[in-house]
Structures are given as C-alpha cells and as structure tokens.
C-alpha cells in the first residue's frame, strides 16, 4: 500500500509538472510591419498547439492590438539598448516566475528583435537563431550581412531561415541554398531551412495565408528549435 501511494504521488507530480521554460529567438531581418505580422502569427500558431507563448517584442513600440491567444510584452524599457545575455537570463527567469504566479504560466518565449541585438541578448542561451528572412531584392544580401555581424561579434554559426516573400517552397529552397552555401563558404555557418510562412501582396507587404499549414509547420519546428533556459551552459561575451 505504501509503495502504491508513493508511486501515485510521483505520477501526479509528473502530470502537473510545468513544461520547461524555453525561448525561440526570432531575428527579424527587416523589422517592418511584415516582420511584426509574421511573429504574431507564429505566436498564434504555437498557441494552437497547446503551448502558452509570450511574445517579447523588441521590434517597435506599438502594442499588439485586438484579441490574441498569447501575451505580448513591449520589452524596450525592460531590455534597453546595451542589455546583455546575463541580464536577459534574469529577465526570462523573472518572467517565468511572474507568469506562473498568475496561474497562466507561459512555457515558450518568442523574442523578436533585430538580429544583432538578439544575439546580444541570447548568445550562449540559444543554440540557434531563427532568421525571419526575405529572398527578393536585397533580402539575401541583408540577411548574409547580419549573419556576418553576429559571427564577428559572438562567433555564432547555427541558424534557421524562415522566408516570408516567396510563393513556393521550391523558390524558398533555392534562395536558402544560395544563402547557406555562401555563409558556409565564407563564415563556416550552418543554416538550416525553416520553411515558408507567408506570401507577398502588392507593395511587398505580408498576407497571412488562409491555409495555416505553413504557420503550423513553423510551430512544430519551433518546439524543436527552442531550448530550456534552465539548461543554459553560460552566456557568451562580445568579441573585441
């Protein structure tokens, strides 16, 4: 009887144990309205999987409007310019404790920022950075230059690319190969294809696909890309 009670108690503790607190770093290569719309759709896609996401927004100072199945935080004041990974780790831990205390514990944080600023915050915390990228115009050149800046600052070499402005998976893969081959050759960077999540409209603005397949596939991948904050081996300092 004693052993059965102990086993039942252990089972209950496992059942009600919260999910690991994880982060998905989103480097928004343009930082425009399309990038913002995309990260909000990513948060909604995660919510559809049963996750409780929180969007840590460092893109601009406008708040997310309307009903949403996720929490959004304008983090500019909380994480000002110059904030490093040690301060971000403390911020993430305080956020985890705060959401748990409200009974609405979040389990994954989408941190959206300019790529280099994102590297300042998450180097040594995140294994890889997810780049919300463009293929048209100077999009690939811009993304490469941002990867180079992160490589020079922190030695970061692992990335995923999620494309917004291509009409097919085949076109996105072709753009990805050009970017990945160049980054591997000159920087030793490993860039994995993360998929396509949007389609272009007139003027290049994002239109969320009516078919949510791309967003839902992103959500599935994001859980694989995320990393428990508690497992951080230590932050990285900027190179000088």
C-alpha atoms as a PDB file:
ATOM      1  CA  UNK A   1       0.000   0.000   0.000  1.00  0.00           C
ATOM      2  CA  UNK A   2       2.819   2.374   0.914  1.00  0.00           C
ATOM      3  CA  UNK A   3       4.635   1.724  -2.369  1.00  0.00           C
ATOM      4  CA  UNK A   4       1.418   2.213  -4.366  1.00  0.00           C
ATOM      5  CA  UNK A   5       0.757   5.566  -2.674  1.00  0.00           C
ATOM      6  CA  UNK A   6       4.290   6.708  -3.343  1.00  0.00           C
ATOM      7  CA  UNK A   7       4.059   5.716  -6.995  1.00  0.00           C
ATOM      8  CA  UNK A   8       0.741   7.555  -7.328  1.00  0.00           C
ATOM      9  CA  UNK A   9       2.194  10.708  -5.776  1.00  0.00           C
ATOM     10  CA  UNK A  10       5.189  10.551  -8.119  1.00  0.00           C
ATOM     11  CA  UNK A  11       2.842  10.146 -11.064  1.00  0.00           C
ATOM     12  CA  UNK A  12       0.806  13.180 -10.033  1.00  0.00           C
ATOM     13  CA  UNK A  13       3.923  15.287  -9.660  1.00  0.00           C
ATOM     14  CA  UNK A  14       4.982  14.303 -13.178  1.00  0.00           C
ATOM     15  CA  UNK A  15       1.496  15.018 -14.544  1.00  0.00           C
ATOM     16  CA  UNK A  16       1.336  18.529 -13.122  1.00  0.00           C
ATOM     17  CA  UNK A  17       4.983  19.409 -13.635  1.00  0.00           C
ATOM     18  CA  UNK A  18       5.172  22.569 -15.789  1.00  0.00           C
ATOM     19  CA  UNK A  19       6.736  22.400 -19.210  1.00  0.00           C
ATOM     20  CA  UNK A  20      10.327  23.598 -19.455  1.00  0.00           C
ATOM     21  CA  UNK A  21      10.586  27.350 -19.970  1.00  0.00           C
ATOM     22  CA  UNK A  22      12.039  27.721 -23.445  1.00  0.00           C
ATOM     23  CA  UNK A  23      12.891  30.528 -25.850  1.00  0.00           C
ATOM     24  CA  UNK A  24      12.726  30.885 -29.633  1.00  0.00           C
ATOM     25  CA  UNK A  25      14.951  33.790 -30.778  1.00  0.00           C
ATOM     26  CA  UNK A  26      13.495  35.463 -33.878  1.00  0.00           C
ATOM     27  CA  UNK A  27      15.926  37.680 -35.757  1.00  0.00           C
ATOM     28  CA  UNK A  28      13.742  39.953 -37.897  1.00  0.00           C
ATOM     29  CA  UNK A  29      15.995  40.925 -40.763  1.00  0.00           C
ATOM     30  CA  UNK A  30      13.866  43.874 -41.906  1.00  0.00           C
ATOM     31  CA  UNK A  31      11.911  44.847 -38.793  1.00  0.00           C
ATOM     32  CA  UNK A  32       8.974  46.224 -40.749  1.00  0.00           C
ATOM     33  CA  UNK A  33       5.226  45.632 -40.448  1.00  0.00           C
ATOM     34  CA  UNK A  34       5.504  42.332 -42.295  1.00  0.00           C
ATOM     35  CA  UNK A  35       8.036  41.023 -39.796  1.00  0.00           C
ATOM     36  CA  UNK A  36       5.781  42.075 -36.948  1.00  0.00           C
ATOM     37  CA  UNK A  37       2.736  40.424 -38.519  1.00  0.00           C
ATOM     38  CA  UNK A  38       4.716  37.243 -39.024  1.00  0.00           C
ATOM     39  CA  UNK A  39       5.895  36.902 -35.421  1.00  0.00           C
ATOM     40  CA  UNK A  40       2.350  37.469 -34.178  1.00  0.00           C
ATOM     41  CA  UNK A  41       1.159  34.685 -36.478  1.00  0.00           C
ATOM     42  CA  UNK A  42       3.947  32.491 -35.141  1.00  0.00           C
ATOM     43  CA  UNK A  43       2.717  33.088 -31.592  1.00  0.00           C
ATOM     44  CA  UNK A  44      -0.831  32.217 -32.628  1.00  0.00           C
ATOM     45  CA  UNK A  45       0.398  29.032 -34.296  1.00  0.00           C
ATOM     46  CA  UNK A  46       2.178  27.994 -31.110  1.00  0.00           C
ATOM     47  CA  UNK A  47      -0.998  28.657 -29.124  1.00  0.00           C
ATOM     48  CA  UNK A  48      -2.889  26.311 -31.460  1.00  0.00           C
ATOM     49  CA  UNK A  49      -0.509  23.509 -30.475  1.00  0.00           C
ATOM     50  CA  UNK A  50      -1.470  23.901 -26.818  1.00  0.00           C
ATOM     51  CA  UNK A  51       1.574  25.979 -25.856  1.00  0.00           C
ATOM     52  CA  UNK A  52       1.267  29.193 -23.870  1.00  0.00           C
ATOM     53  CA  UNK A  53       3.542  31.586 -25.727  1.00  0.00           C
ATOM     54  CA  UNK A  54       4.630  35.048 -24.716  1.00  0.00           C
ATOM     55  CA  UNK A  55       5.937  37.480 -27.349  1.00  0.00           C
ATOM     56  CA  UNK A  56       8.853  39.551 -26.077  1.00  0.00           C
ATOM     57  CA  UNK A  57       8.698  42.405 -28.570  1.00  0.00           C
ATOM     58  CA  UNK A  58      11.777  44.479 -29.355  1.00  0.00           C
ATOM     59  CA  UNK A  59      10.766  45.430 -32.904  1.00  0.00           C
ATOM     60  CA  UNK A  60       8.955  48.720 -32.281  1.00  0.00           C
ATOM     61  CA  UNK A  61       6.964  50.478 -29.605  1.00  0.00           C
ATOM     62  CA  UNK A  62       3.470  49.761 -30.881  1.00  0.00           C
ATOM     63  CA  UNK A  63       1.478  47.274 -28.866  1.00  0.00           C
ATOM     64  CA  UNK A  64      -0.252  44.216 -30.296  1.00  0.00           C
ATOM     65  CA  UNK A  65      -3.910  45.067 -30.759  1.00  0.00           C
ATOM     66  CA  UNK A  66      -7.078  43.006 -30.683  1.00  0.00           C
ATOM     67  CA  UNK A  67      -7.890  39.684 -29.085  1.00  0.00           C
ATOM     68  CA  UNK A  68      -4.953  37.274 -29.024  1.00  0.00           C
ATOM     69  CA  UNK A  69      -4.248  33.824 -27.575  1.00  0.00           C
ATOM     70  CA  UNK A  70      -0.853  34.903 -26.254  1.00  0.00           C
ATOM     71  CA  UNK A  71       0.715  37.514 -24.015  1.00  0.00           C
ATOM     72  CA  UNK A  72       2.788  40.284 -25.588  1.00  0.00           C
ATOM     73  CA  UNK A  73       5.341  42.442 -23.800  1.00  0.00           C
ATOM     74  CA  UNK A  74       6.798  45.688 -25.120  1.00  0.00           C
ATOM     75  CA  UNK A  75      10.278  44.989 -23.794  1.00  0.00           C
ATOM     76  CA  UNK A  76      12.139  48.155 -24.799  1.00  0.00           C
ATOM     77  CA  UNK A  77      12.133  49.629 -21.298  1.00  0.00           C
ATOM     78  CA  UNK A  78      12.796  46.253 -19.650  1.00  0.00           C
ATOM     79  CA  UNK A  79      15.627  45.339 -22.023  1.00  0.00           C
ATOM     80  CA  UNK A  80      17.172  48.649 -23.148  1.00  0.00           C
ATOM     81  CA  UNK A  81      19.998  49.002 -25.643  1.00  0.00           C
ATOM     82  CA  UNK A  82      23.187  47.606 -24.167  1.00  0.00           C
ATOM     83  CA  UNK A  83      21.470  44.819 -22.233  1.00  0.00           C
ATOM     84  CA  UNK A  84      23.437  41.586 -22.442  1.00  0.00           C
ATOM     85  CA  UNK A  85      22.699  37.899 -22.120  1.00  0.00           C
ATOM     86  CA  UNK A  86      23.213  37.769 -18.344  1.00  0.00           C
ATOM     87  CA  UNK A  87      20.552  40.430 -17.808  1.00  0.00           C
ATOM     88  CA  UNK A  88      18.282  38.709 -20.325  1.00  0.00           C
ATOM     89  CA  UNK A  89      18.604  35.392 -18.470  1.00  0.00           C
ATOM     90  CA  UNK A  90      17.486  37.134 -15.267  1.00  0.00           C
ATOM     91  CA  UNK A  91      14.618  38.788 -17.150  1.00  0.00           C
ATOM     92  CA  UNK A  92      13.495  35.429 -18.571  1.00  0.00           C
ATOM     93  CA  UNK A  93      13.572  33.825 -15.140  1.00  0.00           C
ATOM     94  CA  UNK A  94      11.550  36.672 -13.602  1.00  0.00           C
ATOM     95  CA  UNK A  95       9.053  36.390 -16.465  1.00  0.00           C
ATOM     96  CA  UNK A  96       8.692  32.660 -15.880  1.00  0.00           C
ATOM     97  CA  UNK A  97       8.080  33.184 -12.158  1.00  0.00           C
ATOM     98  CA  UNK A  98       5.621  36.024 -12.776  1.00  0.00           C
ATOM     99  CA  UNK A  99       3.516  34.116 -15.284  1.00  0.00           C
ATOM    100  CA  UNK A 100       3.487  31.047 -13.042  1.00  0.00           C
ATOM    101  CA  UNK A 101       2.272  33.116 -10.098  1.00  0.00           C
ATOM    102  CA  UNK A 102      -0.722  34.356 -12.082  1.00  0.00           C
ATOM    103  CA  UNK A 103      -1.889  30.839 -12.892  1.00  0.00           C
ATOM    104  CA  UNK A 104      -1.318  31.471 -16.609  1.00  0.00           C
ATOM    105  CA  UNK A 105       2.185  30.091 -16.843  1.00  0.00           C
ATOM    106  CA  UNK A 106       3.793  30.673 -20.230  1.00  0.00           C
ATOM    107  CA  UNK A 107       6.095  27.934 -21.468  1.00  0.00           C
ATOM    108  CA  UNK A 108       7.741  29.442 -24.553  1.00  0.00           C
ATOM    109  CA  UNK A 109       9.014  32.961 -25.208  1.00  0.00           C
ATOM    110  CA  UNK A 110       9.283  34.298 -28.752  1.00  0.00           C
ATOM    111  CA  UNK A 111      11.940  37.006 -28.585  1.00  0.00           C
ATOM    112  CA  UNK A 112      11.669  39.228 -31.675  1.00  0.00           C
ATOM    113  CA  UNK A 113      14.407  41.767 -32.397  1.00  0.00           C
ATOM    114  CA  UNK A 114      16.985  42.974 -34.896  1.00  0.00           C
ATOM    115  CA  UNK A 115      19.393  40.011 -35.372  1.00  0.00           C
ATOM    116  CA  UNK A 116      22.489  41.576 -33.795  1.00  0.00           C
ATOM    117  CA  UNK A 117      20.547  42.884 -30.815  1.00  0.00           C
ATOM    118  CA  UNK A 118      19.007  39.449 -30.455  1.00  0.00           C
ATOM    119  CA  UNK A 119      22.493  37.944 -30.413  1.00  0.00           C
ATOM    120  CA  UNK A 120      23.463  40.406 -27.655  1.00  0.00           C
ATOM    121  CA  UNK A 121      20.573  39.030 -25.575  1.00  0.00           C
ATOM    122  CA  UNK A 122      20.719  35.315 -26.307  1.00  0.00           C
ATOM    123  CA  UNK A 123      24.309  34.361 -27.183  1.00  0.00           C
ATOM    124  CA  UNK A 124      25.075  31.320 -25.049  1.00  0.00           C
ATOM    125  CA  UNK A 125      21.404  30.892 -24.127  1.00  0.00           C
ATOM    126  CA  UNK A 126      20.016  29.864 -27.514  1.00  0.00           C
ATOM    127  CA  UNK A 127      21.712  27.232 -29.651  1.00  0.00           C
ATOM    128  CA  UNK A 128      20.465  28.749 -32.895  1.00  0.00           C
ATOM    129  CA  UNK A 129      18.825  31.932 -34.080  1.00  0.00           C
ATOM    130  CA  UNK A 130      15.776  31.808 -36.324  1.00  0.00           C
ATOM    131  CA  UNK A 131      16.032  34.420 -39.078  1.00  0.00           C
ATOM    132  CA  UNK A 132      12.792  35.833 -40.497  1.00  0.00           C
ATOM    133  CA  UNK A 133      14.224  36.468 -43.946  1.00  0.00           C
ATOM    134  CA  UNK A 134      13.384  37.802 -47.402  1.00  0.00           C
ATOM    135  CA  UNK A 135      14.513  36.453 -50.748  1.00  0.00           C
ATOM    136  CA  UNK A 136      13.529  39.309 -53.063  1.00  0.00           C
ATOM    137  CA  UNK A 137      15.534  42.411 -53.824  1.00  0.00           C
ATOM    138  CA  UNK A 138      18.427  42.806 -51.403  1.00  0.00           C
ATOM    139  CA  UNK A 139      16.888  40.429 -48.884  1.00  0.00           C
ATOM    140  CA  UNK A 140      19.510  37.678 -49.122  1.00  0.00           C
ATOM    141  CA  UNK A 141      22.410  40.169 -49.075  1.00  0.00           C
ATOM    142  CA  UNK A 142      20.929  41.860 -45.993  1.00  0.00           C
ATOM    143  CA  UNK A 143      20.482  38.551 -44.194  1.00  0.00           C
ATOM    144  CA  UNK A 144      24.042  37.486 -45.035  1.00  0.00           C
ATOM    145  CA  UNK A 145      25.454  40.763 -43.694  1.00  0.00           C
ATOM    146  CA  UNK A 146      23.537  40.275 -40.447  1.00  0.00           C
ATOM    147  CA  UNK A 147      24.821  36.714 -40.100  1.00  0.00           C
ATOM    148  CA  UNK A 148      28.352  38.041 -40.672  1.00  0.00           C
ATOM    149  CA  UNK A 149      27.864  40.679 -37.953  1.00  0.00           C
ATOM    150  CA  UNK A 150      26.702  38.042 -35.452  1.00  0.00           C
ATOM    151  CA  UNK A 151      29.592  35.791 -36.433  1.00  0.00           C
ATOM    152  CA  UNK A 152      32.127  38.570 -35.887  1.00  0.00           C
ATOM    153  CA  UNK A 153      30.553  39.660 -32.590  1.00  0.00           C
ATOM    154  CA  UNK A 154      29.973  36.261 -30.981  1.00  0.00           C
ATOM    155  CA  UNK A 155      31.185  33.506 -33.276  1.00  0.00           C
ATOM    156  CA  UNK A 156      27.599  32.322 -33.799  1.00  0.00           C
ATOM    157  CA  UNK A 157      27.357  29.783 -36.606  1.00  0.00           C
ATOM    158  CA  UNK A 158      23.990  27.983 -36.385  1.00  0.00           C
ATOM    159  CA  UNK A 159      20.776  29.424 -37.857  1.00  0.00           C
ATOM    160  CA  UNK A 160      17.405  28.630 -39.342  1.00  0.00           C
ATOM    161  CA  UNK A 161      15.816  30.707 -42.111  1.00  0.00           C
ATOM    162  CA  UNK A 162      12.063  31.219 -42.397  1.00  0.00           C
ATOM    163  CA  UNK A 163      11.090  33.031 -45.612  1.00  0.00           C
ATOM    164  CA  UNK A 164       8.188  35.477 -45.943  1.00  0.00           C
ATOM    165  CA  UNK A 165       8.185  36.690 -49.523  1.00  0.00           C
ATOM    166  CA  UNK A 166       8.334  33.643 -51.779  1.00  0.00           C
ATOM    167  CA  UNK A 167       5.404  31.976 -53.478  1.00  0.00           C
ATOM    168  CA  UNK A 168       6.516  28.361 -53.198  1.00  0.00           C
ATOM    169  CA  UNK A 169       8.637  26.042 -51.129  1.00  0.00           C
ATOM    170  CA  UNK A 170      10.833  25.308 -54.155  1.00  0.00           C
ATOM    171  CA  UNK A 171      11.618  29.014 -54.637  1.00  0.00           C
ATOM    172  CA  UNK A 172      12.395  29.371 -50.941  1.00  0.00           C
ATOM    173  CA  UNK A 173      14.708  26.363 -51.031  1.00  0.00           C
ATOM    174  CA  UNK A 174      16.596  27.842 -53.990  1.00  0.00           C
ATOM    175  CA  UNK A 175      17.104  31.108 -52.105  1.00  0.00           C
ATOM    176  CA  UNK A 176      18.078  29.220 -48.989  1.00  0.00           C
ATOM    177  CA  UNK A 177      20.728  27.231 -50.842  1.00  0.00           C
ATOM    178  CA  UNK A 178      22.337  30.417 -52.177  1.00  0.00           C
ATOM    179  CA  UNK A 179      22.442  31.937 -48.703  1.00  0.00           C
ATOM    180  CA  UNK A 180      23.548  28.746 -46.954  1.00  0.00           C
ATOM    181  CA  UNK A 181      26.316  27.971 -49.471  1.00  0.00           C
ATOM    182  CA  UNK A 182      27.743  31.489 -49.221  1.00  0.00           C
ATOM    183  CA  UNK A 183      27.602  31.542 -45.411  1.00  0.00           C
ATOM    184  CA  UNK A 184      29.191  28.096 -45.170  1.00  0.00           C
ATOM    185  CA  UNK A 185      31.995  29.024 -47.566  1.00  0.00           C
ATOM    186  CA  UNK A 186      32.979  32.358 -46.082  1.00  0.00           C
ATOM    187  CA  UNK A 187      31.837  32.126 -42.433  1.00  0.00           C
ATOM    188  CA  UNK A 188      31.635  28.414 -41.680  1.00  0.00           C
ATOM    189  CA  UNK A 189      27.996  28.944 -40.736  1.00  0.00           C
ATOM    190  CA  UNK A 190      25.369  26.195 -40.807  1.00  0.00           C
ATOM    191  CA  UNK A 191      21.958  27.449 -41.936  1.00  0.00           C
ATOM    192  CA  UNK A 192      19.018  25.044 -41.905  1.00  0.00           C
ATOM    193  CA  UNK A 193      15.889  25.644 -43.959  1.00  0.00           C
ATOM    194  CA  UNK A 194      12.987  26.612 -41.689  1.00  0.00           C
ATOM    195  CA  UNK A 195      10.189  26.850 -44.246  1.00  0.00           C
ATOM    196  CA  UNK A 196       7.831  29.407 -45.768  1.00  0.00           C
ATOM    197  CA  UNK A 197       5.249  31.212 -43.663  1.00  0.00           C
ATOM    198  CA  UNK A 198       3.781  33.966 -45.792  1.00  0.00           C
ATOM    199  CA  UNK A 199       3.064  35.217 -49.289  1.00  0.00           C
ATOM    200  CA  UNK A 200       3.624  38.668 -50.809  1.00  0.00           C
ATOM    201  CA  UNK A 201       0.968  41.188 -51.731  1.00  0.00           C
ATOM    202  CA  UNK A 202       1.259  44.329 -53.805  1.00  0.00           C
ATOM    203  CA  UNK A 203       3.970  46.518 -52.347  1.00  0.00           C
ATOM    204  CA  UNK A 204       5.698  43.604 -50.657  1.00  0.00           C
ATOM    205  CA  UNK A 205       3.586  43.511 -47.505  1.00  0.00           C
ATOM    206  CA  UNK A 206       2.792  40.216 -45.857  1.00  0.00           C
ATOM    207  CA  UNK A 207      -0.520  38.467 -46.237  1.00  0.00           C
ATOM    208  CA  UNK A 208      -1.054  35.635 -43.792  1.00  0.00           C
ATOM    209  CA  UNK A 209      -2.029  32.558 -45.769  1.00  0.00           C
ATOM    210  CA  UNK A 210      -5.617  31.431 -45.340  1.00  0.00           C
ATOM    211  CA  UNK A 211      -4.229  27.922 -45.234  1.00  0.00           C
ATOM    212  CA  UNK A 212      -2.396  27.863 -41.908  1.00  0.00           C
ATOM    213  CA  UNK A 213      -0.194  24.907 -42.882  1.00  0.00           C
ATOM    214  CA  UNK A 214       2.991  26.992 -43.096  1.00  0.00           C
ATOM    215  CA  UNK A 215       2.424  28.619 -39.718  1.00  0.00           C
ATOM    216  CA  UNK A 216       1.524  25.309 -38.066  1.00  0.00           C
ATOM    217  CA  UNK A 217       4.623  23.675 -39.510  1.00  0.00           C
ATOM    218  CA  UNK A 218       6.631  26.565 -38.072  1.00  0.00           C
ATOM    219  CA  UNK A 219       5.095  25.898 -34.642  1.00  0.00           C
ATOM    220  CA  UNK A 220       6.095  22.247 -34.811  1.00  0.00           C
ATOM    221  CA  UNK A 221       9.638  23.196 -35.791  1.00  0.00           C
ATOM    222  CA  UNK A 222       9.849  25.952 -33.162  1.00  0.00           C
ATOM    223  CA  UNK A 223       9.413  23.404 -30.398  1.00  0.00           C
ATOM    224  CA  UNK A 224      12.424  21.586 -31.816  1.00  0.00           C
ATOM    225  CA  UNK A 225      14.403  24.825 -32.153  1.00  0.00           C
ATOM    226  CA  UNK A 226      13.632  26.067 -28.638  1.00  0.00           C
ATOM    227  CA  UNK A 227      15.879  25.429 -25.670  1.00  0.00           C
ATOM    228  CA  UNK A 228      15.124  25.304 -21.929  1.00  0.00           C
ATOM    229  CA  UNK A 229      16.508  28.433 -20.309  1.00  0.00           C
ATOM    230  CA  UNK A 230      17.386  26.424 -17.194  1.00  0.00           C
ATOM    231  CA  UNK A 231      19.829  24.381 -19.276  1.00  0.00           C
ATOM    232  CA  UNK A 232      21.955  27.352 -20.298  1.00  0.00           C
ATOM    233  CA  UNK A 233      25.667  26.476 -20.160  1.00  0.00           C
ATOM    234  CA  UNK A 234      26.673  30.120 -19.861  1.00  0.00           C
ATOM    235  CA  UNK A 235      26.418  33.276 -21.883  1.00  0.00           C
ATOM    236  CA  UNK A 236      28.915  34.492 -24.466  1.00  0.00           C
ATOM    237  CA  UNK A 237      30.728  37.784 -24.320  1.00  0.00           C
ATOM    238  CA  UNK A 238      31.088  40.018 -27.365  1.00  0.00           C
ATOM    239  CA  UNK A 239      34.358  39.635 -29.216  1.00  0.00           C
ATOM    240  CA  UNK A 240      36.666  42.627 -29.174  1.00  0.00           C
END
